[in-house]
Amino acid sequence: MEKPDFDEKKFLKLALIMAGIAMIFSSINSIFLIYSKPKIPYKSEAANEFIYKKDSKPISAAESTVCEQSTKNMMPNMQDLHEKNNDIVGWIKIEDTIIDYPVMFTPDDAFYLYRNFYKNKDINGSIFIDKHCHLSPRDTNLIFHGHNMNNGSMFGALIKYKSKNFYASHRQILFDTLYENQVYEIVSVFISKVYNVSDNVFKYYRFYNAKNQEEFDYFYNNIKQMSLYDIDIKAQFGDEFITLSTCENSIKNGRFVVVAKKI
């Protein structure tokens, strides 16, 4: 039996058709992957600092280790939470707002950037304290990071402090540690940004501890001058602060910041 003649033109035509089909399916798959990815409304303070801030100094293993926490004297409700996740260091709340969340602390700021209290992946992330802060002994200033979500969750409600009327009815921030209930009174509300390393300006996200009056004055005078409106609450060397920081979109790499002192 004679073998059928090999038609080279038909073979090449068929090969081109098959290659075209493969390219079409590949393009469709790529488009699907692009549009199926979740969209992140905003990057948090910590997220953008990883991108734009280059002046972080590496910390030692001893400095980055979360302090050992005794469960003996913990408040009962905090002890229950601590048993579920020992990264928790407190709970932050602002009355009549959505801000009512556990506060986490680890040597890695990125860990809770997109994870919830149960360490599950979550686009909302968690509220967490900057890894450079020290909790025991406590630094002068603890910096809290949180996402500014489109739906107003996490630290999205902080933006309402642009209004002095809102501030007037929400002057206090509750921060319960594992061991005590604490109340803080707002002393400044301002808009800032993440600066270049070479920028010789006040960087609120670099202030952790005032070792003397001069260092305190540098921090305090700057946050009072930057405040969007006058706040009659005064502070002095020796006071303890919390700084709440989230993204603000009116300027590039913008940050909205609320600073409060312990009372």
Protein backbone atom coordinates (compact mmCIF):
# COMPACT_ATOMS: atom_id res chain seq x y z
CA MET A 1 0.00 0.00 0.00
CA GLU A 2 1.32 3.42 -0.89
CA LYS A 3 1.75 5.92 1.90
CA PRO A 4 -0.23 9.13 1.50
CA ASP A 5 1.78 12.08 0.30
CA PHE A 6 2.90 14.45 3.09
CA ASP A 7 1.30 17.84 2.48
CA GLU A 8 3.76 20.30 4.00
CA LYS A 9 1.54 23.37 3.34
CA LYS A 10 -1.44 21.85 5.16
CA PHE A 11 0.78 20.85 8.08
CA LEU A 12 2.20 24.38 8.45
CA LYS A 13 -1.29 25.89 8.20
CA LEU A 14 -2.57 23.55 10.91
CA ALA A 15 0.41 24.33 13.15
CA LEU A 16 -0.19 28.09 12.80
CA ILE A 17 -3.87 27.64 13.69
CA MET A 18 -3.00 25.62 16.81
CA ALA A 19 -0.41 28.21 17.89
CA GLY A 20 -2.93 30.99 17.46
CA ILE A 21 -5.49 29.17 19.59
CA ALA A 22 -2.89 28.63 22.33
CA MET A 23 -2.01 32.34 22.31
CA ILE A 24 -5.69 33.32 22.62
CA PHE A 25 -6.23 31.03 25.62
CA SER A 26 -3.03 32.33 27.24
CA SER A 27 -4.18 35.94 26.83
CA ILE A 28 -7.62 35.18 28.25
CA ASN A 29 -6.04 33.45 31.25
CA SER A 30 -3.71 36.42 31.91
CA ILE A 31 -6.60 38.89 31.77
CA PHE A 32 -8.59 36.73 34.17
CA LEU A 33 -5.71 36.61 36.65
CA ILE A 34 -5.22 40.37 36.55
CA TYR A 35 -8.85 41.23 37.15
CA SER A 36 -9.49 38.50 39.68
CA LYS A 37 -6.83 39.78 42.13
CA PRO A 38 -8.28 41.66 45.11
CA LYS A 39 -7.74 45.41 44.94
CA ILE A 40 -6.14 46.98 47.99
CA PRO A 41 -7.80 50.31 48.79
CA TYR A 42 -4.79 51.93 50.44
CA LYS A 43 -1.39 50.94 51.67
CA SER A 44 -0.87 51.33 55.38
CA GLU A 45 1.76 53.47 57.04
CA ALA A 46 4.06 50.49 57.44
CA ALA A 47 3.58 49.30 53.87
CA ASN A 48 4.66 52.57 52.32
CA GLU A 49 7.52 52.95 54.77
CA PHE A 50 8.99 49.71 53.42
CA ILE A 51 8.89 51.27 49.94
CA TYR A 52 9.88 54.88 50.57
CA LYS A 53 11.75 54.99 53.86
CA LYS A 54 15.38 53.97 53.62
CA ASP A 55 16.71 55.38 56.87
CA SER A 56 15.68 52.50 59.13
CA LYS A 57 18.54 51.14 61.13
CA PRO A 58 18.61 47.39 61.66
CA ILE A 59 17.75 46.44 65.21
CA SER A 60 19.42 43.75 67.22
CA ALA A 61 17.76 40.46 68.08
CA ALA A 62 17.50 41.58 71.70
CA GLU A 63 15.79 44.84 70.72
CA SER A 64 13.38 43.13 68.37
CA THR A 65 12.30 40.46 70.81
CA VAL A 66 8.83 41.05 72.18
CA CYS A 67 9.03 41.37 75.94
CA GLU A 68 8.05 38.34 77.94
CA GLN A 69 4.60 38.83 79.35
CA SER A 70 3.46 37.36 82.63
CA THR A 71 -0.13 36.15 82.57
CA LYS A 72 -0.35 36.30 86.34
CA ASN A 73 -1.57 39.90 86.61
CA MET A 74 -3.37 40.20 83.29
CA MET A 75 -6.92 41.49 83.23
CA PRO A 76 -9.26 38.51 82.74
CA ASN A 77 -10.61 39.63 79.35
CA MET A 78 -7.10 40.29 78.05
CA GLN A 79 -5.84 36.98 79.36
CA ASP A 80 -8.49 35.17 77.32
CA LEU A 81 -7.34 36.99 74.19
CA HIS A 82 -3.68 36.40 75.03
CA GLU A 83 -4.30 32.67 75.21
CA LYS A 84 -5.67 32.79 71.67
CA ASN A 85 -2.78 34.88 70.32
CA ASN A 86 0.13 35.98 72.49
CA ASP A 87 1.09 38.73 70.01
CA ILE A 88 -1.68 40.88 71.44
CA VAL A 89 -0.49 43.74 73.66
CA GLY A 90 -3.71 45.65 74.16
CA TRP A 91 -7.00 46.96 72.81
CA ILE A 92 -7.67 50.37 71.26
CA LYS A 93 -11.06 52.08 71.15
CA ILE A 94 -12.50 55.48 70.30
CA GLU A 95 -16.06 55.84 71.52
CA ASP A 96 -18.80 56.17 68.87
CA THR A 97 -16.44 55.15 66.06
CA ILE A 98 -15.61 51.89 64.33
CA ILE A 99 -12.17 51.91 65.98
CA ASP A 100 -12.46 49.08 68.49
CA TYR A 101 -9.69 46.58 67.80
CA PRO A 102 -7.00 44.41 69.34
CA VAL A 103 -3.46 45.79 69.07
CA MET A 104 -0.64 43.49 67.96
CA PHE A 105 3.14 43.71 68.33
CA THR A 106 5.83 41.60 66.66
CA PRO A 107 9.44 42.10 65.52
CA ASP A 108 8.09 42.10 61.95
CA ASP A 109 5.83 45.03 60.99
CA ALA A 110 4.80 43.26 57.80
CA PHE A 111 3.30 40.25 59.58
CA TYR A 112 0.00 41.88 60.56
CA LEU A 113 -0.11 44.17 57.56
CA TYR A 114 -2.53 41.78 55.88
CA ARG A 115 -3.35 39.34 58.68
CA ASN A 116 -6.06 39.46 61.30
CA PHE A 117 -5.98 38.59 64.99
CA TYR A 118 -6.17 34.87 64.16
CA LYS A 119 -3.15 35.20 61.83
CA ASN A 120 -5.31 34.48 58.81
CA LYS A 121 -4.77 36.46 55.62
CA ASP A 122 -7.05 39.49 55.64
CA ILE A 123 -6.87 42.55 53.38
CA ASN A 124 -7.88 44.72 56.36
CA GLY A 125 -4.84 43.67 58.33
CA SER A 126 -4.64 44.53 62.04
CA ILE A 127 -3.74 47.49 64.20
CA PHE A 128 -0.14 47.05 65.32
CA ILE A 129 2.58 48.93 67.15
CA ASP A 130 5.73 49.88 65.27
CA LYS A 131 8.44 47.27 65.76
CA HIS A 132 10.96 49.92 66.85
CA CYS A 133 8.93 50.80 69.93
CA HIS A 134 9.73 49.30 73.32
CA LEU A 135 6.92 48.23 75.61
CA SER A 136 8.94 47.22 78.66
CA PRO A 137 10.32 49.57 79.75
CA ARG A 138 7.83 51.68 77.84
CA ASP A 139 9.02 54.28 75.36
CA THR A 140 7.77 57.85 75.54
CA ASN A 141 5.80 57.35 72.33
CA LEU A 142 4.13 54.22 70.93
CA ILE A 143 3.34 54.43 67.22
CA PHE A 144 0.23 52.57 66.03
CA HIS A 145 -0.21 51.66 62.35
CA GLY A 146 -3.47 50.76 60.64
CA HIS A 147 -4.99 50.72 57.17
CA ASN A 148 -7.20 53.53 55.93
CA MET A 149 -9.83 51.34 54.27
CA ASN A 150 -12.34 52.58 51.69
CA ASN A 151 -15.22 51.47 53.89
CA GLY A 152 -13.90 53.44 56.85
CA SER A 153 -12.81 50.40 58.84
CA MET A 154 -9.54 49.97 60.74
CA PHE A 155 -8.01 53.48 61.02
CA GLY A 156 -10.24 54.95 58.32
CA ALA A 157 -12.24 56.80 60.98
CA LEU A 158 -9.16 58.83 61.97
CA ILE A 159 -9.71 61.01 58.90
CA LYS A 160 -12.80 62.43 60.60
CA TYR A 161 -10.46 64.31 62.91
CA LYS A 162 -9.90 66.79 60.09
CA SER A 163 -13.02 68.38 61.53
CA LYS A 164 -12.54 70.24 64.80
CA ASN A 165 -16.19 69.57 65.63
CA PHE A 166 -15.51 65.84 65.43
CA TYR A 167 -12.48 66.25 67.66
CA ALA A 168 -14.55 68.20 70.19
CA SER A 169 -16.84 65.20 70.70
CA HIS A 170 -14.10 62.55 70.46
CA ARG A 171 -11.25 63.98 72.52
CA GLN A 172 -10.18 60.75 74.19
CA ILE A 173 -8.70 57.45 73.06
CA LEU A 174 -8.96 54.32 75.17
CA PHE A 175 -5.98 51.99 75.11
CA ASP A 176 -6.14 49.01 77.41
CA THR A 177 -2.89 47.15 77.88
CA LEU A 178 -2.86 43.56 79.10
CA TYR A 179 -2.65 44.84 82.66
CA GLU A 180 -4.54 48.12 82.94
CA ASN A 181 -7.15 50.39 81.39
CA GLN A 182 -5.60 53.58 80.04
CA VAL A 183 -7.13 56.82 78.80
CA TYR A 184 -5.36 59.21 76.44
CA GLU A 185 -6.31 62.78 75.54
CA ILE A 186 -5.60 64.10 72.06
CA VAL A 187 -2.97 66.86 71.88
CA SER A 188 -2.43 67.18 68.11
CA VAL A 189 -3.96 66.23 64.76
CA PHE A 190 -1.94 66.78 61.60
CA ILE A 191 -1.11 65.70 58.07
CA SER A 192 2.44 64.64 57.27
CA LYS A 193 4.22 62.30 54.88
CA VAL A 194 7.02 59.80 54.60
CA TYR A 195 10.10 61.81 53.64
CA ASN A 196 13.29 60.99 51.82
CA VAL A 197 16.26 60.02 53.94
CA SER A 198 18.05 63.23 53.06
CA ASP A 199 15.13 65.50 54.00
CA ASN A 200 16.11 67.49 57.07
CA VAL A 201 12.60 67.77 58.53
CA PHE A 202 10.69 66.53 61.55
CA LYS A 203 9.70 62.90 61.00
CA TYR A 204 7.05 61.94 63.51
CA TYR A 205 7.51 58.26 62.69
CA ARG A 206 11.08 58.48 63.97
CA PHE A 207 10.24 59.68 67.48
CA TYR A 208 10.06 56.88 70.05
CA ASN A 209 11.69 58.07 73.24
CA ALA A 210 12.59 61.40 74.86
CA LYS A 211 15.68 60.92 76.99
CA ASN A 212 15.81 64.55 78.03
CA GLN A 213 13.92 67.86 77.91
CA GLU A 214 15.53 68.85 74.61
CA GLU A 215 14.37 65.70 72.82
CA PHE A 216 10.89 66.09 74.27
CA ASP A 217 10.65 69.74 73.20
CA TYR A 218 11.68 68.83 69.65
CA PHE A 219 8.84 66.32 69.41
CA TYR A 220 6.21 68.32 71.27
CA ASN A 221 6.83 71.69 69.61
CA ASN A 222 6.68 70.13 66.17
CA ILE A 223 3.43 68.23 66.66
CA LYS A 224 1.76 71.33 68.17
CA GLN A 225 2.90 73.57 65.31
CA MET A 226 1.70 71.05 62.72
CA SER A 227 -1.75 70.59 64.26
CA LEU A 228 -4.64 71.38 61.92
CA TYR A 229 -6.31 73.39 64.67
CA ASP A 230 -5.56 74.63 68.15
CA ILE A 231 -5.95 72.05 70.92
CA ASP A 232 -5.69 73.41 74.43
CA ILE A 233 -4.35 70.20 75.96
CA LYS A 234 -0.78 70.65 77.21
CA ALA A 235 1.96 68.09 77.81
CA GLN A 236 5.30 68.06 79.55
CA PHE A 237 8.49 66.05 79.73
CA GLY A 238 7.71 62.69 81.35
CA ASP A 239 4.28 62.30 79.75
CA GLU A 240 3.55 59.18 77.71
CA PHE A 241 2.05 59.32 74.22
CA ILE A 242 0.43 57.18 71.57
CA THR A 243 0.62 58.19 67.91
CA LEU A 244 -2.03 56.81 65.55
CA SER A 245 -0.94 56.85 61.91
CA THR A 246 -2.70 55.97 58.67
CA CYS A 247 -2.56 56.90 54.96
CA GLU A 248 -3.83 60.25 53.71
CA ASN A 249 -4.30 60.78 49.99
CA SER A 250 -4.20 64.55 49.55
CA ILE A 251 -0.42 64.43 49.12
CA LYS A 252 2.02 61.84 47.84
CA ASN A 253 2.98 59.36 50.57
CA GLY A 254 0.71 61.30 52.88
CA ARG A 255 -0.06 60.34 56.47
CA PHE A 256 -2.86 61.38 58.80
CA VAL A 257 -1.70 61.44 62.38
CA VAL A 258 -3.39 61.72 65.78
CA VAL A 259 -1.21 62.10 68.87
CA ALA A 260 -2.59 61.68 72.39
CA LYS A 261 -1.06 61.79 75.89
CA LYS A 262 -1.83 59.47 78.76
CA ILE A 263 -3.95 60.99 81.54
